[in-house]
Protein backbone atom coordinates (compact mmCIF):
# COMPACT_ATOMS: atom_id res chain seq x y z
CA MET A 1 6.46 -12.33 0.53
CA SER A 2 7.09 -12.37 4.20
CA SER A 3 9.08 -15.56 4.73
CA VAL A 4 12.35 -17.03 5.77
CA ALA A 5 13.65 -16.42 2.26
CA GLU A 6 13.77 -12.66 2.75
CA HIS A 7 16.36 -13.12 5.51
CA LEU A 8 18.73 -15.11 3.27
CA GLY A 9 21.63 -13.40 1.61
CA PRO A 10 22.47 -13.70 -2.06
CA GLY A 11 25.44 -15.96 -1.37
CA GLU A 12 23.50 -18.84 0.18
CA ARG A 13 24.94 -22.30 -0.28
CA LEU A 14 23.69 -24.66 -2.92
CA LEU A 15 21.66 -27.65 -1.81
CA ASP A 16 21.84 -31.22 -3.05
CA ARG A 17 18.76 -32.44 -4.91
CA ASP A 18 17.30 -34.44 -2.00
CA GLU A 19 17.61 -31.56 0.46
CA PHE A 20 16.25 -29.06 -2.07
CA ALA A 21 13.23 -31.27 -2.84
CA ARG A 22 12.53 -31.82 0.88
CA ILE A 23 12.61 -28.08 1.65
CA ALA A 24 10.57 -27.17 -1.43
CA GLY A 25 7.98 -29.85 -0.65
CA LEU A 26 8.56 -31.78 -3.84
CA GLN A 27 9.06 -35.42 -4.69
CA GLU A 28 12.21 -36.39 -6.58
CA GLY A 29 10.22 -36.99 -9.80
CA GLN A 30 8.64 -33.52 -9.57
CA LEU A 31 12.06 -31.92 -9.14
CA ARG A 32 13.39 -33.82 -12.16
CA GLU A 33 10.37 -32.65 -14.16
CA LEU A 34 10.94 -28.99 -13.25
CA LEU A 35 14.62 -29.37 -14.23
CA ASP A 36 13.55 -30.95 -17.53
CA TYR A 37 11.18 -28.05 -18.16
CA GLN A 38 14.18 -25.78 -17.49
CA LEU A 39 12.13 -23.90 -14.90
CA LEU A 40 14.91 -24.67 -12.42
CA ALA A 41 18.60 -24.52 -13.19
CA PRO A 42 20.75 -27.30 -11.63
CA SER A 43 23.10 -24.55 -10.48
CA GLY A 44 20.22 -22.64 -8.81
CA LEU A 45 19.18 -25.15 -6.17
CA ASP A 46 19.64 -22.86 -3.20
CA MET A 47 17.59 -22.07 -0.09
CA ARG A 48 16.00 -18.93 -1.53
CA THR A 49 14.73 -20.85 -4.57
CA ALA A 50 13.56 -23.75 -2.39
CA PHE A 51 11.48 -21.40 -0.21
CA ALA A 52 10.02 -19.67 -3.30
CA LEU A 53 9.11 -23.05 -4.72
CA ARG A 54 7.55 -24.09 -1.40
CA GLU A 55 5.38 -20.94 -1.46
CA ALA A 56 4.42 -21.57 -5.08
CA ASN A 57 3.62 -25.19 -4.22
CA ARG A 58 1.31 -24.03 -1.41
CA ILE A 59 -0.47 -21.62 -3.77
CA GLY A 60 -0.62 -24.35 -6.40
CA ARG A 61 -2.43 -26.67 -4.02
CA ASP A 62 -4.95 -23.91 -3.17
CA PHE A 63 -5.72 -23.32 -6.86
CA ASP A 64 -5.17 -26.88 -8.16
CA LEU A 65 -2.33 -25.87 -10.47
CA GLU A 66 -0.24 -28.28 -12.49
CA LEU A 67 3.46 -28.66 -11.78
CA PHE A 68 4.49 -26.58 -14.79
CA ALA A 69 2.38 -23.66 -13.56
CA ILE A 70 3.84 -24.07 -10.05
CA GLY A 71 7.33 -23.88 -11.52
CA LEU A 72 6.46 -20.69 -13.39
CA LEU A 73 4.85 -19.24 -10.28
CA ALA A 74 7.98 -20.03 -8.21
CA GLY A 75 10.04 -17.89 -10.59
CA TYR A 76 7.65 -14.98 -10.09
CA VAL A 77 7.59 -15.45 -6.30
CA LEU A 78 11.38 -15.33 -6.30
CA ARG A 79 11.37 -12.27 -8.55
CA ILE A 80 8.87 -10.45 -6.30
CA ASP A 81 10.96 -11.29 -3.27
CA ASN A 82 14.11 -9.86 -4.92
CA LEU A 83 12.26 -6.71 -6.00
CA GLU A 84 10.86 -6.16 -2.50
CA ALA A 85 14.38 -6.47 -1.09
CA GLN A 86 15.64 -3.87 -3.60
CA VAL A 87 12.79 -1.45 -2.72
CA GLN A 88 13.62 -1.81 1.01
CA GLN A 89 17.27 -1.13 0.29
CA LEU A 90 16.47 1.96 -1.82
CA ARG A 91 14.13 3.28 0.87
CA ALA A 92 16.86 2.85 3.44
CA GLN A 93 19.34 4.84 1.28
CA ARG A 94 16.87 7.65 0.56
CA PRO A 95 17.43 10.82 2.60
CA VAL A 96 14.53 11.79 4.74
CA HIS A 97 13.13 15.24 3.86
CA THR A 98 10.22 16.67 5.72
CA THR A 99 8.34 19.48 4.08
CA VAL A 100 5.48 21.15 5.83
CA HIS A 101 3.03 23.27 3.92
CA THR A 102 0.66 25.52 5.81
CA GLU A 103 -2.05 27.80 4.64
CA VAL A 104 -2.62 31.06 6.42
CA SER A 105 -5.91 32.80 6.11
CA PHE A 106 -6.56 36.29 7.37
CA THR A 107 -9.93 37.93 7.44
CA SER A 108 -10.28 41.66 8.01
CA VAL A 109 -13.45 42.91 9.62
CA GLN A 110 -14.27 46.59 10.00
CA VAL A 111 -16.77 47.56 12.60
CA ARG A 112 -18.43 50.99 12.45
CA GLN A 113 -20.10 52.56 15.34
CA GLY A 114 -23.52 54.04 14.91
CA PRO A 115 -24.17 57.75 13.85
């Protein structure tokens, strides 16, 4: 996911419920419902989760998903975002090796002159 969430560090501040719901594009009742489903943890109301939920909410509108499915999708969006960040970090740590393979072909031709 290419979004603002990928620029946030792991130690982002927690948001209050109103601010989280506003950023995620949810109504207060929808946020309460996701908390009741235990798809969101009260201690996990941070910016990264809010942006993941906003993305899931956008996809949910496109595919006419119910709130429960949107909550599940938000968890996967967040997980994908975290995995992409780990892959980028591993690629940055990997030493760059360049190996070049060439193939050499030699053809021998013998030419005889006439008698």
